[in-house]
């Protein structure tokens, strides 16, 4: 059986471990957050073209969802096929798209600006579709 002194020493050690753990976690997080931003890739997709690509990608995702396919494997197959068609339409390869996406997403201001334009385009397309159905 532990005495009061032993219990206090044990609880102090436990608290100390937690404090050290939080300090290590905090410094690690700080070091990670302070890493330099990514350089512009050589074949960066221009912002206006990236807006068009992202708009089409979101429309493709919506189409797949709207199909009502239950199996995730089948959803992924259909989406990948649509994604390849989008890349072909804009004459892109997956590497160029992913590097550009990574660059824009690592710059929050640019990324927010891109997505404001994407949302505006999607709203525009939604209104066009509503006019067609009336």
N, C-alpha and C. Protein backbone atom coordinates (compact mmCIF):
# COMPACT_ATOMS: atom_id res chain seq x y z
N UNK A 1 0.84 -1.18 0.00
CA UNK A 1 0.00 0.00 0.00
C UNK A 1 0.89 1.24 0.00
N UNK A 2 0.51 2.24 -0.80
CA UNK A 2 1.30 3.45 -0.92
C UNK A 2 0.94 4.42 0.20
N UNK A 3 1.97 5.08 0.68
CA UNK A 3 1.72 6.12 1.66
C UNK A 3 1.39 7.41 0.92
N UNK A 4 1.00 8.42 1.68
CA UNK A 4 0.65 9.70 1.06
C UNK A 4 1.83 10.31 0.31
N UNK A 5 3.04 10.22 0.89
CA UNK A 5 4.22 10.77 0.23
C UNK A 5 4.51 10.05 -1.09
N UNK A 6 4.38 8.74 -1.08
CA UNK A 6 4.61 7.98 -2.30
C UNK A 6 3.56 8.32 -3.37
N UNK A 7 2.34 8.48 -2.95
CA UNK A 7 1.26 8.82 -3.88
C UNK A 7 1.49 10.20 -4.49
N UNK A 8 1.94 11.15 -3.66
CA UNK A 8 2.23 12.50 -4.16
C UNK A 8 3.37 12.47 -5.17
N UNK A 9 4.44 11.72 -4.84
CA UNK A 9 5.57 11.62 -5.76
C UNK A 9 5.15 11.00 -7.09
N UNK A 10 4.32 9.97 -6.99
CA UNK A 10 3.84 9.31 -8.20
C UNK A 10 3.00 10.27 -9.03
N UNK A 11 2.07 11.01 -8.41
CA UNK A 11 1.21 11.92 -9.16
C UNK A 11 2.03 13.08 -9.73
N UNK A 12 3.05 13.55 -9.01
CA UNK A 12 3.92 14.61 -9.54
C UNK A 12 4.67 14.13 -10.77
N UNK A 13 5.18 12.89 -10.71
CA UNK A 13 5.87 12.33 -11.88
C UNK A 13 4.93 12.20 -13.07
N UNK A 14 3.71 11.77 -12.80
CA UNK A 14 2.74 11.62 -13.88
C UNK A 14 2.42 12.97 -14.50
N UNK A 15 2.22 13.98 -13.66
CA UNK A 15 1.94 15.32 -14.16
C UNK A 15 3.13 15.84 -14.95
N UNK A 16 4.33 15.62 -14.43
CA UNK A 16 5.54 16.06 -15.11
C UNK A 16 5.66 15.42 -16.49
N UNK A 17 5.34 14.14 -16.58
CA UNK A 17 5.39 13.45 -17.88
C UNK A 17 4.41 14.08 -18.86
N UNK A 18 3.20 14.37 -18.37
CA UNK A 18 2.20 15.00 -19.24
C UNK A 18 2.68 16.38 -19.71
N UNK A 19 3.24 17.15 -18.80
CA UNK A 19 3.74 18.48 -19.16
C UNK A 19 4.84 18.36 -20.19
N UNK A 20 5.80 17.46 -19.97
CA UNK A 20 6.87 17.27 -20.94
C UNK A 20 6.31 16.82 -22.28
N UNK A 21 5.34 15.94 -22.22
CA UNK A 21 4.71 15.47 -23.46
C UNK A 21 4.07 16.60 -24.23
N UNK A 22 3.36 17.46 -23.53
CA UNK A 22 2.73 18.62 -24.19
C UNK A 22 3.77 19.58 -24.75
N UNK A 23 4.87 19.78 -24.01
CA UNK A 23 5.93 20.65 -24.50
C UNK A 23 6.53 20.09 -25.79
N UNK A 24 6.82 18.81 -25.79
CA UNK A 24 7.39 18.18 -26.99
C UNK A 24 6.41 18.29 -28.15
N UNK A 25 5.14 17.99 -27.89
CA UNK A 25 4.12 18.09 -28.93
C UNK A 25 4.03 19.52 -29.45
N UNK A 26 4.02 20.49 -28.54
CA UNK A 26 3.91 21.90 -28.92
C UNK A 26 5.10 22.35 -29.78
N UNK A 27 6.31 22.00 -29.38
CA UNK A 27 7.48 22.39 -30.16
C UNK A 27 7.51 21.69 -31.51
N UNK A 28 7.09 20.44 -31.54
CA UNK A 28 7.03 19.72 -32.82
C UNK A 28 6.02 20.39 -33.76
N UNK A 29 4.87 20.73 -33.23
CA UNK A 29 3.84 21.40 -34.02
C UNK A 29 4.34 22.75 -34.51
N UNK A 30 5.01 23.50 -33.65
CA UNK A 30 5.56 24.80 -34.03
C UNK A 30 6.61 24.65 -35.13
N UNK A 31 7.49 23.68 -34.99
CA UNK A 31 8.52 23.46 -36.01
C UNK A 31 7.89 23.07 -37.34
N UNK A 32 6.86 22.25 -37.30
CA UNK A 32 6.18 21.83 -38.53
C UNK A 32 5.49 23.02 -39.19
N UNK A 33 4.86 23.87 -38.38
CA UNK A 33 4.11 25.01 -38.91
C UNK A 33 5.02 26.07 -39.51
N UNK A 34 6.26 26.12 -39.06
CA UNK A 34 7.19 27.16 -39.52
C UNK A 34 8.02 26.72 -40.72
N UNK A 35 7.69 25.62 -41.32
CA UNK A 35 8.43 25.18 -42.50
C UNK A 35 8.19 26.16 -43.64
N UNK A 36 9.18 26.33 -44.51
CA UNK A 36 9.00 27.28 -45.61
C UNK A 36 7.91 26.81 -46.56
N UNK A 37 7.26 27.80 -47.18
CA UNK A 37 6.21 27.48 -48.13
C UNK A 37 6.81 26.84 -49.37
N UNK A 38 6.00 26.09 -50.05
CA UNK A 38 6.45 25.39 -51.23
C UNK A 38 6.71 26.35 -52.38
N UNK A 39 7.76 26.06 -53.14
CA UNK A 39 8.06 26.88 -54.32
C UNK A 39 7.07 26.58 -55.43
N UNK A 40 6.93 27.55 -56.34
CA UNK A 40 6.04 27.35 -57.48
C UNK A 40 6.59 26.24 -58.36
N UNK A 41 5.76 25.26 -58.69
CA UNK A 41 6.24 24.23 -59.62
C UNK A 41 6.43 24.83 -61.01
N UNK A 42 7.32 24.22 -61.78
CA UNK A 42 7.62 24.72 -63.13
C UNK A 42 6.38 24.72 -64.02
N UNK A 43 5.59 23.68 -63.93
CA UNK A 43 4.42 23.55 -64.80
C UNK A 43 3.12 23.83 -64.04
N UNK A 44 3.12 24.91 -63.27
CA UNK A 44 1.95 25.29 -62.47
C UNK A 44 0.78 25.62 -63.40
N UNK A 45 -0.37 25.07 -63.08
CA UNK A 45 -1.59 25.36 -63.85
C UNK A 45 -2.01 26.79 -63.50
N UNK A 46 -2.24 27.65 -64.51
CA UNK A 46 -2.67 29.02 -64.22
C UNK A 46 -3.99 29.02 -63.43
N UNK A 47 -4.19 30.07 -62.64
CA UNK A 47 -5.35 30.14 -61.75
C UNK A 47 -6.67 29.98 -62.49
N UNK A 48 -6.83 30.66 -63.63
CA UNK A 48 -8.11 30.58 -64.35
C UNK A 48 -8.39 29.17 -64.85
N UNK A 49 -7.34 28.49 -65.32
CA UNK A 49 -7.51 27.10 -65.79
C UNK A 49 -7.77 26.17 -64.60
N UNK A 50 -7.11 26.44 -63.47
CA UNK A 50 -7.29 25.61 -62.28
C UNK A 50 -8.72 25.73 -61.78
N UNK A 51 -9.30 26.92 -61.87
CA UNK A 51 -10.70 27.12 -61.47
C UNK A 51 -11.60 26.25 -62.34
N UNK A 52 -11.34 26.23 -63.64
CA UNK A 52 -12.15 25.41 -64.55
C UNK A 52 -12.01 23.93 -64.22
N UNK A 53 -10.78 23.49 -63.97
CA UNK A 53 -10.54 22.07 -63.67
C UNK A 53 -11.23 21.69 -62.36
N UNK A 54 -11.07 22.51 -61.32
CA UNK A 54 -11.70 22.20 -60.03
C UNK A 54 -13.23 22.19 -60.14
N UNK A 55 -13.76 23.10 -60.94
CA UNK A 55 -15.22 23.12 -61.14
C UNK A 55 -15.68 21.82 -61.77
N UNK A 56 -14.98 21.39 -62.82
CA UNK A 56 -15.34 20.13 -63.48
C UNK A 56 -15.16 18.93 -62.56
N UNK A 57 -14.13 18.95 -61.73
CA UNK A 57 -13.91 17.84 -60.80
C UNK A 57 -15.05 17.76 -59.78
N UNK A 58 -15.47 18.90 -59.28
CA UNK A 58 -16.59 18.88 -58.33
C UNK A 58 -17.89 18.45 -59.00
N UNK A 59 -18.08 18.84 -60.23
CA UNK A 59 -19.27 18.37 -60.96
C UNK A 59 -19.22 16.86 -61.19
N UNK A 60 -18.03 16.34 -61.47
CA UNK A 60 -17.87 14.89 -61.64
C UNK A 60 -18.18 14.16 -60.34
N UNK A 61 -17.70 14.71 -59.23
CA UNK A 61 -18.00 14.09 -57.92
C UNK A 61 -19.51 14.08 -57.67
N UNK A 62 -20.16 15.18 -58.03
CA UNK A 62 -21.61 15.25 -57.85
C UNK A 62 -22.33 14.24 -58.73
N UNK A 63 -21.86 14.09 -59.97
CA UNK A 63 -22.48 13.11 -60.88
C UNK A 63 -22.39 11.70 -60.31
N UNK A 64 -21.21 11.36 -59.79
CA UNK A 64 -21.02 10.02 -59.23
C UNK A 64 -21.94 9.82 -58.04
N UNK A 65 -22.05 10.83 -57.19
CA UNK A 65 -22.93 10.73 -56.03
C UNK A 65 -24.38 10.58 -56.46
N UNK A 66 -24.75 11.33 -57.49
CA UNK A 66 -26.13 11.31 -57.97
C UNK A 66 -26.51 9.98 -58.62
N UNK A 67 -25.51 9.23 -59.10
CA UNK A 67 -25.79 7.93 -59.71
C UNK A 67 -26.36 6.93 -58.70
N UNK A 68 -26.09 7.14 -57.44
CA UNK A 68 -26.64 6.27 -56.40
C UNK A 68 -25.95 4.92 -56.31
N UNK A 69 -24.70 4.86 -56.74
CA UNK A 69 -23.96 3.61 -56.65
C UNK A 69 -23.58 3.37 -55.20
N UNK A 70 -23.93 2.22 -54.69
CA UNK A 70 -23.70 1.93 -53.28
C UNK A 70 -22.26 1.49 -53.03
N UNK A 71 -21.72 0.66 -53.90
CA UNK A 71 -20.38 0.11 -53.71
C UNK A 71 -19.32 1.20 -53.93
N UNK A 72 -18.48 1.38 -52.95
CA UNK A 72 -17.44 2.39 -53.02
C UNK A 72 -16.46 2.11 -54.16
N UNK A 73 -16.17 0.83 -54.39
CA UNK A 73 -15.26 0.47 -55.49
C UNK A 73 -15.80 0.97 -56.82
N UNK A 74 -17.07 0.75 -57.04
CA UNK A 74 -17.70 1.17 -58.29
C UNK A 74 -17.72 2.69 -58.41
N UNK A 75 -17.99 3.37 -57.29
CA UNK A 75 -17.97 4.83 -57.30
C UNK A 75 -16.58 5.34 -57.70
N UNK A 76 -15.56 4.73 -57.12
CA UNK A 76 -14.19 5.15 -57.43
C UNK A 76 -13.84 4.90 -58.89
N UNK A 77 -14.29 3.77 -59.45
CA UNK A 77 -14.01 3.48 -60.86
C UNK A 77 -14.66 4.51 -61.77
N UNK A 78 -15.91 4.83 -61.50
CA UNK A 78 -16.62 5.81 -62.32
C UNK A 78 -15.96 7.18 -62.18
N UNK A 79 -15.61 7.55 -60.96
CA UNK A 79 -15.00 8.86 -60.74
C UNK A 79 -13.64 8.95 -61.44
N UNK A 80 -12.83 7.90 -61.35
CA UNK A 80 -11.51 7.91 -62.00
C UNK A 80 -11.65 8.07 -63.51
N UNK A 81 -12.67 7.43 -64.09
CA UNK A 81 -12.89 7.56 -65.53
C UNK A 81 -13.25 9.02 -65.88
N UNK A 82 -14.14 9.62 -65.09
CA UNK A 82 -14.50 11.02 -65.32
C UNK A 82 -13.30 11.94 -65.11
N UNK A 83 -12.50 11.63 -64.11
CA UNK A 83 -11.32 12.43 -63.81
C UNK A 83 -10.33 12.38 -64.99
N UNK A 84 -10.13 11.22 -65.55
CA UNK A 84 -9.23 11.09 -66.72
C UNK A 84 -9.75 11.90 -67.90
N UNK A 85 -11.07 11.91 -68.08
CA UNK A 85 -11.65 12.71 -69.16
C UNK A 85 -11.41 14.20 -68.94
N UNK A 86 -11.50 14.63 -67.70
CA UNK A 86 -11.25 16.04 -67.37
C UNK A 86 -9.80 16.39 -67.66
N UNK A 87 -8.86 15.53 -67.22
CA UNK A 87 -7.45 15.79 -67.49
C UNK A 87 -7.18 15.85 -68.99
N UNK A 88 -7.81 14.97 -69.74
CA UNK A 88 -7.62 14.97 -71.20
C UNK A 88 -8.20 16.25 -71.81
N UNK A 89 -9.36 16.69 -71.35
CA UNK A 89 -9.99 17.89 -71.87
C UNK A 89 -9.08 19.11 -71.69
N UNK A 90 -8.40 19.18 -70.55
CA UNK A 90 -7.53 20.33 -70.26
C UNK A 90 -6.06 20.05 -70.57
N UNK A 91 -5.79 18.91 -71.18
CA UNK A 91 -4.44 18.50 -71.56
C UNK A 91 -3.48 18.54 -70.37
N UNK A 92 -3.88 17.86 -69.32
CA UNK A 92 -3.10 17.78 -68.08
C UNK A 92 -2.75 16.34 -67.78
N UNK A 93 -1.71 16.16 -66.99
CA UNK A 93 -1.45 14.84 -66.44
C UNK A 93 -1.67 14.92 -64.94
N UNK A 94 -1.81 13.79 -64.30
CA UNK A 94 -2.14 13.78 -62.87
C UNK A 94 -1.06 14.45 -62.04
N UNK A 95 0.20 14.28 -62.41
CA UNK A 95 1.30 14.88 -61.66
C UNK A 95 1.22 16.41 -61.66
N UNK A 96 0.96 16.97 -62.82
CA UNK A 96 0.83 18.43 -62.93
C UNK A 96 -0.33 18.92 -62.09
N UNK A 97 -1.45 18.22 -62.15
CA UNK A 97 -2.62 18.62 -61.36
C UNK A 97 -2.31 18.56 -59.87
N UNK A 98 -1.74 17.44 -59.41
CA UNK A 98 -1.50 17.28 -57.99
C UNK A 98 -0.46 18.28 -57.47
N UNK A 99 0.60 18.54 -58.24
CA UNK A 99 1.60 19.53 -57.81
C UNK A 99 0.98 20.92 -57.73
N UNK A 100 0.15 21.25 -58.72
CA UNK A 100 -0.51 22.56 -58.71
C UNK A 100 -1.49 22.66 -57.54
N UNK A 101 -2.26 21.60 -57.32
CA UNK A 101 -3.21 21.59 -56.21
C UNK A 101 -2.47 21.74 -54.89
N UNK A 102 -1.35 21.04 -54.75
CA UNK A 102 -0.56 21.12 -53.52
C UNK A 102 -0.01 22.53 -53.34
N UNK A 103 0.46 23.15 -54.41
CA UNK A 103 0.98 24.51 -54.32
C UNK A 103 -0.11 25.49 -53.88
N UNK A 104 -1.26 25.44 -54.56
CA UNK A 104 -2.33 26.37 -54.22
C UNK A 104 -2.85 26.13 -52.80
N UNK A 105 -2.97 24.86 -52.40
CA UNK A 105 -3.50 24.57 -51.07
C UNK A 105 -2.51 24.93 -49.97
N UNK A 106 -1.23 25.06 -50.29
CA UNK A 106 -0.26 25.48 -49.28
C UNK A 106 -0.20 27.01 -49.15
N UNK A 107 -0.93 27.71 -50.01
CA UNK A 107 -1.04 29.17 -49.94
C UNK A 107 -2.50 29.52 -49.70
N UNK A 108 -2.91 29.65 -48.44
CA UNK A 108 -4.32 29.81 -48.10
C UNK A 108 -5.03 30.96 -48.82
N UNK A 109 -4.35 32.07 -49.03
CA UNK A 109 -5.01 33.20 -49.70
C UNK A 109 -5.37 32.85 -51.14
N UNK A 110 -4.41 32.24 -51.84
CA UNK A 110 -4.65 31.86 -53.24
C UNK A 110 -5.72 30.78 -53.31
N UNK A 111 -5.65 29.83 -52.37
CA UNK A 111 -6.60 28.73 -52.37
C UNK A 111 -8.02 29.23 -52.12
N UNK A 112 -8.15 30.15 -51.18
CA UNK A 112 -9.47 30.73 -50.90
C UNK A 112 -9.99 31.49 -52.11
N UNK A 113 -9.10 32.22 -52.76
CA UNK A 113 -9.49 32.96 -53.96
C UNK A 113 -9.95 32.01 -55.07
N UNK A 114 -9.20 30.91 -55.25
CA UNK A 114 -9.59 29.91 -56.25
C UNK A 114 -10.98 29.36 -55.96
N UNK A 115 -11.20 28.99 -54.71
CA UNK A 115 -12.47 28.35 -54.37
C UNK A 115 -13.65 29.32 -54.38
N UNK A 116 -13.40 30.59 -54.16
CA UNK A 116 -14.47 31.57 -54.34
C UNK A 116 -14.93 31.57 -55.79
N UNK A 117 -13.96 31.50 -56.69
CA UNK A 117 -14.30 31.47 -58.12
C UNK A 117 -14.99 30.16 -58.50
N UNK A 118 -14.51 29.05 -57.92
CA UNK A 118 -15.13 27.74 -58.20
C UNK A 118 -16.58 27.74 -57.74
N UNK A 119 -16.82 28.25 -56.53
CA UNK A 119 -18.19 28.30 -55.99
C UNK A 119 -19.07 29.18 -56.86
N UNK A 120 -18.52 30.31 -57.31
CA UNK A 120 -19.29 31.20 -58.19
C UNK A 120 -19.65 30.48 -59.49
N UNK A 121 -18.71 29.74 -60.06
CA UNK A 121 -18.98 28.99 -61.31
C UNK A 121 -20.03 27.91 -61.08
N UNK A 122 -19.92 27.21 -59.95
CA UNK A 122 -20.90 26.16 -59.65
C UNK A 122 -22.29 26.76 -59.46
N UNK A 123 -22.38 27.90 -58.80
CA UNK A 123 -23.67 28.58 -58.63
C UNK A 123 -24.23 29.01 -59.99
N UNK A 124 -23.35 29.50 -60.84
CA UNK A 124 -23.75 29.91 -62.19
C UNK A 124 -24.32 28.73 -62.97
N UNK A 125 -23.63 27.59 -62.90
CA UNK A 125 -24.10 26.39 -63.60
C UNK A 125 -25.42 25.89 -63.02
N UNK A 126 -25.57 26.03 -61.71
CA UNK A 126 -26.81 25.61 -61.05
C UNK A 126 -27.98 26.45 -61.55
N UNK A 127 -27.77 27.76 -61.66
CA UNK A 127 -28.82 28.65 -62.15
C UNK A 127 -29.16 28.35 -63.61
N UNK A 128 -28.14 28.05 -64.42
CA UNK A 128 -28.38 27.68 -65.81
C UNK A 128 -29.25 26.43 -65.91
N UNK A 129 -28.92 25.43 -65.07
CA UNK A 129 -29.70 24.19 -65.07
C UNK A 129 -31.14 24.42 -64.62
N UNK A 130 -31.32 25.31 -63.65
CA UNK A 130 -32.68 25.62 -63.18
C UNK A 130 -33.48 26.32 -64.25
N UNK A 131 -32.83 27.17 -65.03
CA UNK A 131 -33.53 27.85 -66.14
C UNK A 131 -33.94 26.85 -67.22
N UNK A 132 -33.09 25.86 -67.46
CA UNK A 132 -33.38 24.84 -68.47
C UNK A 132 -34.58 23.97 -68.07
N UNK A 133 -34.71 23.71 -66.78
CA UNK A 133 -35.79 22.83 -66.33
C UNK A 133 -37.12 23.55 -66.23
N UNK A 134 -37.12 24.88 -66.27
CA UNK A 134 -38.38 25.63 -66.17
C UNK A 134 -39.10 25.68 -67.46
